[in-house]
Amino acid sequence: MILYEIYKFILTCLYMITIIYTYFSFVGIYCLDIKEFLGTQVIVYFIIYHFILGITLIVYLRLRSIEELSTIEMFPPVKTTREYNLDLSEINPMFAKII
């Protein structure tokens, strides 16, 4: 079971590293290189690449999400401000008044 978790973690990291590497390669080589700037063609490639990258990341995040759990179930409830016992005796009175 632990090997499966390690395998899953490595695949997750490799995917994100590959996306970042291709992004910088594409933007650096094809879009920002002054010598290869061909006007609107580069801008169209840039927009298409970002569209494909956005769809890929959305699909990836949808696959990685856990549908059965919500954020409220994953994290303990946060206390309201009335539940905190704040000792404001050593704080500047102006700040204590605001708090």
PDB file of N, CA and C in Angstrom:
ATOM      1  N   MET A   1       0.823  -1.195   0.000  1.00  0.00           N
ATOM      2  CA  MET A   1       0.000   0.000   0.000  1.00  0.00           C
ATOM      3  C   MET A   1       0.867   1.259   0.000  1.00  0.00           C
ATOM      4  N   ILE A   2       1.945   1.221   0.770  1.00  0.00           N
ATOM      5  CA  ILE A   2       2.818   2.390   0.839  1.00  0.00           C
ATOM      6  C   ILE A   2       3.541   2.592  -0.486  1.00  0.00           C
ATOM      7  N   LEU A   3       3.872   1.496  -1.161  1.00  0.00           N
ATOM      8  CA  LEU A   3       4.524   1.615  -2.469  1.00  0.00           C
ATOM      9  C   LEU A   3       3.584   2.237  -3.492  1.00  0.00           C
ATOM     10  N   TYR A   4       2.302   1.907  -3.381  1.00  0.00           N
ATOM     11  CA  TYR A   4       1.322   2.501  -4.288  1.00  0.00           C
ATOM     12  C   TYR A   4       1.214   4.006  -4.054  1.00  0.00           C
ATOM     13  N   GLU A   5       1.232   4.423  -2.794  1.00  0.00           N
ATOM     14  CA  GLU A   5       1.170   5.853  -2.476  1.00  0.00           C
ATOM     15  C   GLU A   5       2.412   6.580  -2.975  1.00  0.00           C
ATOM     16  N   ILE A   6       3.582   5.953  -2.827  1.00  0.00           N
ATOM     17  CA  ILE A   6       4.816   6.554  -3.340  1.00  0.00           C
ATOM     18  C   ILE A   6       4.757   6.658  -4.854  1.00  0.00           C
ATOM     19  N   TYR A   7       4.287   5.601  -5.510  1.00  0.00           N
ATOM     20  CA  TYR A   7       4.148   5.593  -6.969  1.00  0.00           C
ATOM     21  C   TYR A   7       3.199   6.701  -7.431  1.00  0.00           C
ATOM     22  N   LYS A   8       2.077   6.835  -6.739  1.00  0.00           N
ATOM     23  CA  LYS A   8       1.102   7.866  -7.090  1.00  0.00           C
ATOM     24  C   LYS A   8       1.688   9.264  -6.895  1.00  0.00           C
ATOM     25  N   PHE A   9       2.445   9.457  -5.820  1.00  0.00           N
ATOM     26  CA  PHE A   9       3.081  10.744  -5.555  1.00  0.00           C
ATOM     27  C   PHE A   9       4.103  11.085  -6.635  1.00  0.00           C
ATOM     28  N   ILE A  10       4.905  10.115  -7.036  1.00  0.00           N
ATOM     29  CA  ILE A  10       5.912  10.347  -8.081  1.00  0.00           C
ATOM     30  C   ILE A  10       5.244  10.706  -9.396  1.00  0.00           C
ATOM     31  N   LEU A  11       4.183   9.990  -9.754  1.00  0.00           N
ATOM     32  CA  LEU A  11       3.471  10.319 -10.994  1.00  0.00           C
ATOM     33  C   LEU A  11       2.856  11.708 -10.935  1.00  0.00           C
ATOM     34  N   THR A  12       2.327  12.076  -9.791  1.00  0.00           N
ATOM     35  CA  THR A  12       1.756  13.409  -9.634  1.00  0.00           C
ATOM     36  C   THR A  12       2.824  14.480  -9.809  1.00  0.00           C
ATOM     37  N   CYS A  13       3.967  14.289  -9.182  1.00  0.00           N
ATOM     38  CA  CYS A  13       5.057  15.266  -9.307  1.00  0.00           C
ATOM     39  C   CYS A  13       5.582  15.332 -10.728  1.00  0.00           C
ATOM     40  N   LEU A  14       5.742  14.182 -11.365  1.00  0.00           N
ATOM     41  CA  LEU A  14       6.252  14.169 -12.735  1.00  0.00           C
ATOM     42  C   LEU A  14       5.313  14.896 -13.686  1.00  0.00           C
ATOM     43  N   TYR A  15       4.019  14.729 -13.478  1.00  0.00           N
ATOM     44  CA  TYR A  15       3.063  15.403 -14.354  1.00  0.00           C
ATOM     45  C   TYR A  15       3.198  16.915 -14.228  1.00  0.00           C
ATOM     46  N   MET A  16       3.242  17.411 -13.005  1.00  0.00           N
ATOM     47  CA  MET A  16       3.324  18.855 -12.813  1.00  0.00           C
ATOM     48  C   MET A  16       4.672  19.409 -13.284  1.00  0.00           C
ATOM     49  N   ILE A  17       5.753  18.675 -13.050  1.00  0.00           N
ATOM     50  CA  ILE A  17       7.065  19.119 -13.528  1.00  0.00           C
ATOM     51  C   ILE A  17       7.080  19.160 -15.047  1.00  0.00           C
ATOM     52  N   THR A  18       6.472  18.170 -15.687  1.00  0.00           N
ATOM     53  CA  THR A  18       6.406  18.151 -17.154  1.00  0.00           C
ATOM     54  C   THR A  18       5.605  19.328 -17.680  1.00  0.00           C
ATOM     55  N   ILE A  19       4.487  19.640 -17.048  1.00  0.00           N
ATOM     56  CA  ILE A  19       3.669  20.774 -17.479  1.00  0.00           C
ATOM     57  C   ILE A  19       4.455  22.075 -17.341  1.00  0.00           C
ATOM     58  N   ILE A  20       5.128  22.255 -16.209  1.00  0.00           N
ATOM     59  CA  ILE A  20       5.906  23.484 -16.007  1.00  0.00           C
ATOM     60  C   ILE A  20       7.048  23.572 -17.011  1.00  0.00           C
ATOM     61  N   TYR A  21       7.738  22.457 -17.249  1.00  0.00           N
ATOM     62  CA  TYR A  21       8.853  22.456 -18.203  1.00  0.00           C
ATOM     63  C   TYR A  21       8.369  22.786 -19.615  1.00  0.00           C
ATOM     64  N   THR A  22       7.279  22.156 -20.039  1.00  0.00           N
ATOM     65  CA  THR A  22       6.778  22.445 -21.391  1.00  0.00           C
ATOM     66  C   THR A  22       6.282  23.875 -21.494  1.00  0.00           C
ATOM     67  N   TYR A  23       5.709  24.400 -20.414  1.00  0.00           N
ATOM     68  CA  TYR A  23       5.234  25.776 -20.450  1.00  0.00           C
ATOM     69  C   TYR A  23       6.396  26.738 -20.676  1.00  0.00           C
ATOM     70  N   PHE A  24       7.442  26.600 -19.867  1.00  0.00           N
ATOM     71  CA  PHE A  24       8.578  27.505 -20.021  1.00  0.00           C
ATOM     72  C   PHE A  24       9.306  27.285 -21.337  1.00  0.00           C
ATOM     73  N   SER A  25       9.362  26.043 -21.790  1.00  0.00           N
ATOM     74  CA  SER A  25       9.995  25.778 -23.088  1.00  0.00           C
ATOM     75  C   SER A  25       9.203  26.428 -24.207  1.00  0.00           C
ATOM     76  N   PHE A  26       7.888  26.235 -24.189  1.00  0.00           N
ATOM     77  CA  PHE A  26       7.053  26.794 -25.252  1.00  0.00           C
ATOM     78  C   PHE A  26       7.089  28.315 -25.234  1.00  0.00           C
ATOM     79  N   VAL A  27       6.866  28.892 -24.071  1.00  0.00           N
ATOM     80  CA  VAL A  27       6.825  30.351 -23.982  1.00  0.00           C
ATOM     81  C   VAL A  27       8.199  30.943 -24.272  1.00  0.00           C
ATOM     82  N   GLY A  28       9.246  30.339 -23.732  1.00  0.00           N
ATOM     83  CA  GLY A  28      10.585  30.880 -23.936  1.00  0.00           C
ATOM     84  C   GLY A  28      11.095  30.722 -25.349  1.00  0.00           C
ATOM     85  N   ILE A  29      10.882  29.558 -25.933  1.00  0.00           N
ATOM     86  CA  ILE A  29      11.449  29.295 -27.259  1.00  0.00           C
ATOM     87  C   ILE A  29      10.591  29.878 -28.371  1.00  0.00           C
ATOM     88  N   TYR A  30       9.292  29.665 -28.289  1.00  0.00           N
ATOM     89  CA  TYR A  30       8.441  30.016 -29.424  1.00  0.00           C
ATOM     90  C   TYR A  30       7.757  31.368 -29.315  1.00  0.00           C
ATOM     91  N   CYS A  31       7.548  31.848 -28.110  1.00  0.00           N
ATOM     92  CA  CYS A  31       6.768  33.082 -27.973  1.00  0.00           C
ATOM     93  C   CYS A  31       7.608  34.298 -27.618  1.00  0.00           C
ATOM     94  N   LEU A  32       8.646  34.126 -26.834  1.00  0.00           N
ATOM     95  CA  LEU A  32       9.390  35.288 -26.365  1.00  0.00           C
ATOM     96  C   LEU A  32      10.716  35.502 -27.082  1.00  0.00           C
ATOM     97  N   ASP A  33      11.113  34.563 -27.902  1.00  0.00           N
ATOM     98  CA  ASP A  33      12.366  34.717 -28.633  1.00  0.00           C
ATOM     99  C   ASP A  33      12.177  35.779 -29.708  1.00  0.00           C
ATOM    100  N   ILE A  34      12.914  36.862 -29.601  1.00  0.00           N
ATOM    101  CA  ILE A  34      12.760  38.002 -30.509  1.00  0.00           C
ATOM    102  C   ILE A  34      13.037  37.593 -31.951  1.00  0.00           C
ATOM    103  N   LYS A  35      13.990  36.700 -32.160  1.00  0.00           N
ATOM    104  CA  LYS A  35      14.369  36.314 -33.517  1.00  0.00           C
ATOM    105  C   LYS A  35      13.259  35.550 -34.227  1.00  0.00           C
ATOM    106  N   GLU A  36      12.470  34.804 -33.461  1.00  0.00           N
ATOM    107  CA  GLU A  36      11.437  33.967 -34.069  1.00  0.00           C
ATOM    108  C   GLU A  36      10.043  34.594 -34.001  1.00  0.00           C
ATOM    109  N   PHE A  37       9.932  35.821 -33.577  1.00  0.00           N
ATOM    110  CA  PHE A  37       8.620  36.448 -33.456  1.00  0.00           C
ATOM    111  C   PHE A  37       8.062  36.749 -34.838  1.00  0.00           C
ATOM    112  N   LEU A  38       6.963  36.087 -35.186  1.00  0.00           N
ATOM    113  CA  LEU A  38       6.391  36.223 -36.523  1.00  0.00           C
ATOM    114  C   LEU A  38       5.036  36.921 -36.501  1.00  0.00           C
ATOM    115  N   GLY A  39       4.767  37.706 -35.491  1.00  0.00           N
ATOM    116  CA  GLY A  39       3.528  38.480 -35.449  1.00  0.00           C
ATOM    117  C   GLY A  39       2.361  37.702 -34.886  1.00  0.00           C
ATOM    118  N   THR A  40       1.251  37.722 -35.600  1.00  0.00           N
ATOM    119  CA  THR A  40       0.010  37.145 -35.085  1.00  0.00           C
ATOM    120  C   THR A  40       0.058  35.636 -34.973  1.00  0.00           C
ATOM    121  N   GLN A  41       0.873  34.982 -35.744  1.00  0.00           N
ATOM    122  CA  GLN A  41       0.955  33.527 -35.674  1.00  0.00           C
ATOM    123  C   GLN A  41       1.422  33.076 -34.288  1.00  0.00           C
ATOM    124  N   VAL A  42       2.387  33.759 -33.726  1.00  0.00           N
ATOM    125  CA  VAL A  42       2.889  33.414 -32.395  1.00  0.00           C
ATOM    126  C   VAL A  42       1.818  33.668 -31.345  1.00  0.00           C
ATOM    127  N   ILE A  43       1.075  34.752 -31.485  1.00  0.00           N
ATOM    128  CA  ILE A  43       0.009  35.059 -30.525  1.00  0.00           C
ATOM    129  C   ILE A  43      -1.082  33.995 -30.580  1.00  0.00           C
ATOM    130  N   VAL A  44      -1.425  33.544 -31.782  1.00  0.00           N
ATOM    131  CA  VAL A  44      -2.427  32.480 -31.922  1.00  0.00           C
ATOM    132  C   VAL A  44      -1.918  31.191 -31.282  1.00  0.00           C
ATOM    133  N   TYR A  45      -0.650  30.827 -31.522  1.00  0.00           N
ATOM    134  CA  TYR A  45      -0.072  29.645 -30.879  1.00  0.00           C
ATOM    135  C   TYR A  45      -0.102  29.782 -29.362  1.00  0.00           C
ATOM    136  N   PHE A  46       0.221  30.959 -28.877  1.00  0.00           N
ATOM    137  CA  PHE A  46       0.247  31.233 -27.446  1.00  0.00           C
ATOM    138  C   PHE A  46      -1.138  31.035 -26.832  1.00  0.00           C
ATOM    139  N   ILE A  47      -2.161  31.560 -27.471  1.00  0.00           N
ATOM    140  CA  ILE A  47      -3.533  31.432 -26.966  1.00  0.00           C
ATOM    141  C   ILE A  47      -3.998  29.984 -27.027  1.00  0.00           C
ATOM    142  N   ILE A  48      -3.718  29.300 -28.128  1.00  0.00           N
ATOM    143  CA  ILE A  48      -4.117  27.895 -28.259  1.00  0.00           C
ATOM    144  C   ILE A  48      -3.417  27.043 -27.203  1.00  0.00           C
ATOM    145  N   TYR A  49      -2.129  27.288 -27.004  1.00  0.00           N
ATOM    146  CA  TYR A  49      -1.391  26.516 -26.007  1.00  0.00           C
ATOM    147  C   TYR A  49      -1.968  26.735 -24.613  1.00  0.00           C
ATOM    148  N   HIS A  50      -2.302  27.962 -24.263  1.00  0.00           N
ATOM    149  CA  HIS A  50      -2.874  28.225 -22.942  1.00  0.00           C
ATOM    150  C   HIS A  50      -4.259  27.610 -22.800  1.00  0.00           C
ATOM    151  N   PHE A  51      -5.013  27.578 -23.854  1.00  0.00           N
ATOM    152  CA  PHE A  51      -6.326  26.929 -23.817  1.00  0.00           C
ATOM    153  C   PHE A  51      -6.167  25.428 -23.560  1.00  0.00           C
ATOM    154  N   ILE A  52      -5.261  24.790 -24.286  1.00  0.00           N
ATOM    155  CA  ILE A  52      -5.024  23.358 -24.094  1.00  0.00           C
ATOM    156  C   ILE A  52      -4.471  23.088 -22.697  1.00  0.00           C
ATOM    157  N   LEU A  53      -3.554  23.919 -22.237  1.00  0.00           N
ATOM    158  CA  LEU A  53      -2.985  23.763 -20.901  1.00  0.00           C
ATOM    159  C   LEU A  53      -4.054  23.922 -19.824  1.00  0.00           C
ATOM    160  N   GLY A  54      -4.944  24.879 -19.997  1.00  0.00           N
ATOM    161  CA  GLY A  54      -6.024  25.074 -19.030  1.00  0.00           C
ATOM    162  C   GLY A  54      -6.955  23.881 -18.958  1.00  0.00           C
ATOM    163  N   ILE A  55      -7.331  23.341 -20.107  1.00  0.00           N
ATOM    164  CA  ILE A  55      -8.203  22.161 -20.126  1.00  0.00           C
ATOM    165  C   ILE A  55      -7.502  20.976 -19.481  1.00  0.00           C
ATOM    166  N   THR A  56      -6.217  20.799 -19.785  1.00  0.00           N
ATOM    167  CA  THR A  56      -5.451  19.695 -19.202  1.00  0.00           C
ATOM    168  C   THR A  56      -5.402  19.805 -17.685  1.00  0.00           C
ATOM    169  N   LEU A  57      -5.142  20.993 -17.171  1.00  0.00           N
ATOM    170  CA  LEU A  57      -5.074  21.167 -15.721  1.00  0.00           C
ATOM    171  C   LEU A  57      -6.432  20.977 -15.057  1.00  0.00           C
ATOM    172  N   ILE A  58      -7.492  21.419 -15.704  1.00  0.00           N
ATOM    173  CA  ILE A  58      -8.831  21.218 -15.140  1.00  0.00           C
ATOM    174  C   ILE A  58      -9.154  19.734 -15.058  1.00  0.00           C
ATOM    175  N   VAL A  59      -8.868  18.994 -16.121  1.00  0.00           N
ATOM    176  CA  VAL A  59      -9.118  17.551 -16.115  1.00  0.00           C
ATOM    177  C   VAL A  59      -8.263  16.874 -15.050  1.00  0.00           C
ATOM    178  N   TYR A  60      -7.005  17.271 -14.941  1.00  0.00           N
ATOM    179  CA  TYR A  60      -6.110  16.687 -13.939  1.00  0.00           C
ATOM    180  C   TYR A  60      -6.625  16.952 -12.528  1.00  0.00           C
ATOM    181  N   LEU A  61      -7.034  18.174 -12.242  1.00  0.00           N
ATOM    182  CA  LEU A  61      -7.531  18.495 -10.910  1.00  0.00           C
ATOM    183  C   LEU A  61      -8.846  17.793 -10.615  1.00  0.00           C
ATOM    184  N   ARG A  62      -9.670  17.606 -11.626  1.00  0.00           N
ATOM    185  CA  ARG A  62     -10.921  16.875 -11.417  1.00  0.00           C
ATOM    186  C   ARG A  62     -10.639  15.407 -11.103  1.00  0.00           C
ATOM    187  N   LEU A  63      -9.609  14.843 -11.735  1.00  0.00           N
ATOM    188  CA  LEU A  63      -9.259  13.456 -11.453  1.00  0.00           C
ATOM    189  C   LEU A  63      -8.663  13.298 -10.064  1.00  0.00           C
ATOM    190  N   ARG A  64      -7.921  14.300  -9.604  1.00  0.00           N
ATOM    191  CA  ARG A  64      -7.253  14.215  -8.310  1.00  0.00           C
ATOM    192  C   ARG A  64      -8.178  14.549  -7.142  1.00  0.00           C
ATOM    193  N   SER A  65      -9.316  15.157  -7.404  1.00  0.00           N
ATOM    194  CA  SER A  65     -10.197  15.556  -6.303  1.00  0.00           C
ATOM    195  C   SER A  65     -10.950  14.345  -5.766  1.00  0.00           C
ATOM    196  N   ILE A  66     -11.338  14.446  -4.518  1.00  0.00           N
ATOM    197  CA  ILE A  66     -12.100  13.388  -3.869  1.00  0.00           C
ATOM    198  C   ILE A  66     -13.536  13.879  -3.770  1.00  0.00           C
ATOM    199  N   GLU A  67     -14.417  13.212  -4.455  1.00  0.00           N
ATOM    200  CA  GLU A  67     -15.805  13.669  -4.525  1.00  0.00           C
ATOM    201  C   GLU A  67     -16.567  13.424  -3.218  1.00  0.00           C
ATOM    202  N   GLU A  68     -16.172  12.403  -2.452  1.00  0.00           N
ATOM    203  CA  GLU A  68     -16.936  12.062  -1.252  1.00  0.00           C
ATOM    204  C   GLU A  68     -16.699  13.038  -0.106  1.00  0.00           C
ATOM    205  N   LEU A  69     -15.568  13.743  -0.133  1.00  0.00           N
ATOM    206  CA  LEU A  69     -15.222  14.629   0.972  1.00  0.00           C
ATOM    207  C   LEU A  69     -15.363  16.084   0.567  1.00  0.00           C
ATOM    208  N   SER A  70     -15.869  16.859   1.467  1.00  0.00           N
ATOM    209  CA  SER A  70     -15.905  18.299   1.248  1.00  0.00           C
ATOM    210  C   SER A  70     -14.830  18.940   2.120  1.00  0.00           C
ATOM    211  N   THR A  71     -14.594  20.204   1.910  1.00  0.00           N
ATOM    212  CA  THR A  71     -13.586  20.913   2.690  1.00  0.00           C
ATOM    213  C   THR A  71     -13.980  20.977   4.162  1.00  0.00           C
ATOM    214  N   ILE A  72     -15.254  21.112   4.431  1.00  0.00           N
ATOM    215  CA  ILE A  72     -15.724  21.182   5.819  1.00  0.00           C
ATOM    216  C   ILE A  72     -15.463  19.861   6.533  1.00  0.00           C
ATOM    217  N   GLU A  73     -15.602  18.742   5.819  1.00  0.00           N
ATOM    218  CA  GLU A  73     -15.350  17.445   6.433  1.00  0.00           C
ATOM    219  C   GLU A  73     -13.856  17.177   6.616  1.00  0.00           C
ATOM    220  N   MET A  74     -13.030  17.737   5.756  1.00  0.00           N
ATOM    221  CA  MET A  74     -11.591  17.485   5.836  1.00  0.00           C
ATOM    222  C   MET A  74     -10.926  18.261   6.963  1.00  0.00           C
ATOM    223  N   PHE A  75     -11.411  19.457   7.248  1.00  0.00           N
ATOM    224  CA  PHE A  75     -10.789  20.309   8.254  1.00  0.00           C
ATOM    225  C   PHE A  75     -11.736  20.474   9.431  1.00  0.00           C
ATOM    226  N   PRO A  76     -11.183  20.561  10.637  1.00  0.00           N
ATOM    227  CA  PRO A  76     -12.059  20.748  11.798  1.00  0.00           C
ATOM    228  C   PRO A  76     -12.722  22.120  11.746  1.00  0.00           C
ATOM    229  N   PRO A  77     -13.854  22.244  12.398  1.00  0.00           N
ATOM    230  CA  PRO A  77     -14.535  23.546  12.368  1.00  0.00           C
ATOM    231  C   PRO A  77     -13.705  24.638  13.037  1.00  0.00           C
ATOM    232  N   VAL A  78     -13.810  25.806  12.505  1.00  0.00           N
ATOM    233  CA  VAL A  78     -13.072  26.952  13.024  1.00  0.00           C
ATOM    234  C   VAL A  78     -13.901  27.599  14.123  1.00  0.00           C
ATOM    235  N   LYS A  79     -13.216  27.991  15.190  1.00  0.00           N
ATOM    236  CA  LYS A  79     -13.916  28.643  16.297  1.00  0.00           C
ATOM    237  C   LYS A  79     -14.367  30.037  15.881  1.00  0.00           C
ATOM    238  N   THR A  80     -15.472  30.450  16.433  1.00  0.00           N
ATOM    239  CA  THR A  80     -15.903  31.824  16.223  1.00  0.00           C
ATOM    240  C   THR A  80     -15.094  32.728  17.139  1.00  0.00           C
ATOM    241  N   THR A  81     -15.129  34.011  16.882  1.00  0.00           N
ATOM    242  CA  THR A  81     -14.319  34.951  17.670  1.00  0.00           C
ATOM    243  C   THR A  81     -14.752  34.993  19.132  1.00  0.00           C
ATOM    244  N   ARG A  82     -15.968  34.659  19.430  1.00  0.00           N
ATOM    245  CA  ARG A  82     -16.442  34.692  20.817  1.00  0.00           C
ATOM    246  C   ARG A  82     -15.855  33.548  21.643  1.00  0.00           C
ATOM    247  N   GLU A  83     -15.409  32.495  20.990  1.00  0.00           N
ATOM    248  CA  GLU A  83     -14.884  31.346  21.711  1.00  0.00           C
ATOM    249  C   GLU A  83     -13.427  31.518  22.125  1.00  0.00           C
ATOM    250  N   TYR A  84     -12.744  32.508  21.606  1.00  0.00           N
ATOM    251  CA  TYR A  84     -11.353  32.736  21.962  1.00  0.00           C
ATOM    252  C   TYR A  84     -11.282  33.537  23.255  1.00  0.00           C
ATOM    253  N   ASN A  85     -10.349  33.171  24.098  1.00  0.00           N
ATOM    254  CA  ASN A  85     -10.087  33.930  25.321  1.00  0.00           C
ATOM    255  C   ASN A  85      -8.816  34.727  25.084  1.00  0.00           C
ATOM    256  N   LEU A  86      -8.966  35.944  24.672  1.00  0.00           N
ATOM    257  CA  LEU A  86      -7.818  36.776  24.348  1.00  0.00           C
ATOM    258  C   LEU A  86      -7.391  37.576  25.566  1.00  0.00           C
ATOM    259  N   ASP A  87      -6.092  37.521  25.861  1.00  0.00           N
ATOM    260  CA  ASP A  87      -5.529  38.340  26.927  1.00  0.00           C
ATOM    261  C   ASP A  87      -4.930  39.579  26.267  1.00  0.00           C
ATOM    262  N   LEU A  88      -5.627  40.686  26.364  1.00  0.00           N
ATOM    263  CA  LEU A  88      -5.209  41.914  25.700  1.00  0.00           C
ATOM    264  C   LEU A  88      -4.563  42.900  26.658  1.00  0.00           C
ATOM    265  N   SER A  89      -4.098  42.406  27.809  1.00  0.00           N
ATOM    266  CA  SER A  89      -3.554  43.328  28.808  1.00  0.00           C
ATOM    267  C   SER A  89      -2.215  43.929  28.394  1.00  0.00           C
ATOM    268  N   GLU A  90      -1.431  43.223  27.599  1.00  0.00           N
ATOM    269  CA  GLU A  90      -0.112  43.725  27.227  1.00  0.00           C
ATOM    270  C   GLU A  90      -0.065  44.248  25.798  1.00  0.00           C
ATOM    271  N   ILE A  91      -1.208  44.487  25.228  1.00  0.00           N
ATOM    272  CA  ILE A  91      -1.278  45.009  23.860  1.00  0.00           C
ATOM    273  C   ILE A  91      -1.621  46.493  23.927  1.00  0.00           C
ATOM    274  N   ASN A  92      -1.165  47.222  22.962  1.00  0.00           N
ATOM    275  CA  ASN A  92      -1.476  48.644  22.848  1.00  0.00           C
ATOM    276  C   ASN A  92      -2.995  48.820  22.946  1.00  0.00           C
ATOM    277  N   PRO A  93      -3.474  49.718  23.813  1.00  0.00           N
ATOM    278  CA  PRO A  93      -4.918  49.887  24.003  1.00  0.00           C
ATOM    279  C   PRO A  93      -5.666  50.245  22.718  1.00  0.00           C
ATOM    280  N   MET A  94      -5.003  50.956  21.806  1.00  0.00           N
ATOM    281  CA  MET A  94      -5.680  51.313  20.550  1.00  0.00           C
ATOM    282  C   MET A  94      -5.939  50.058  19.713  1.00  0.00           C
ATOM    283  N   PHE A  95      -4.946  49.160  19.679  1.00  0.00           N
ATOM    284  CA  PHE A  95      -5.130  47.914  18.942  1.00  0.00           C
ATOM    285  C   PHE A  95      -6.118  46.996  19.652  1.00  0.00           C
ATOM    286  N   ALA A  96      -6.060  46.963  20.976  1.00  0.00           N
ATOM    287  CA  ALA A  96      -6.979  46.125  21.747  1.00  0.00           C
ATOM    288  C   ALA A  96      -8.420  46.554  21.519  1.00  0.00           C
ATOM    289  N   LYS A  97      -8.636  47.849  21.368  1.00  0.00           N
ATOM    290  CA  LYS A  97      -9.981  48.355  21.124  1.00  0.00           C
ATOM    291  C   LYS A  97     -10.490  47.877  19.761  1.00  0.00           C
ATOM    292  N   ILE A  98      -9.593  47.854  18.768  1.00  0.00           N
ATOM    293  CA  ILE A  98      -9.985  47.401  17.431  1.00  0.00           C
ATOM    294  C   ILE A  98     -10.284  45.907  17.431  1.00  0.00           C
ATOM    295  N   ILE A  99      -9.466  45.158  18.169  1.00  0.00           N
ATOM    296  CA  ILE A  99      -9.654  43.705  18.218  1.00  0.00           C
ATOM    297  C   ILE A  99     -10.926  43.389  18.964  1.00  0.00           C
TER     298      ILE A  99
END
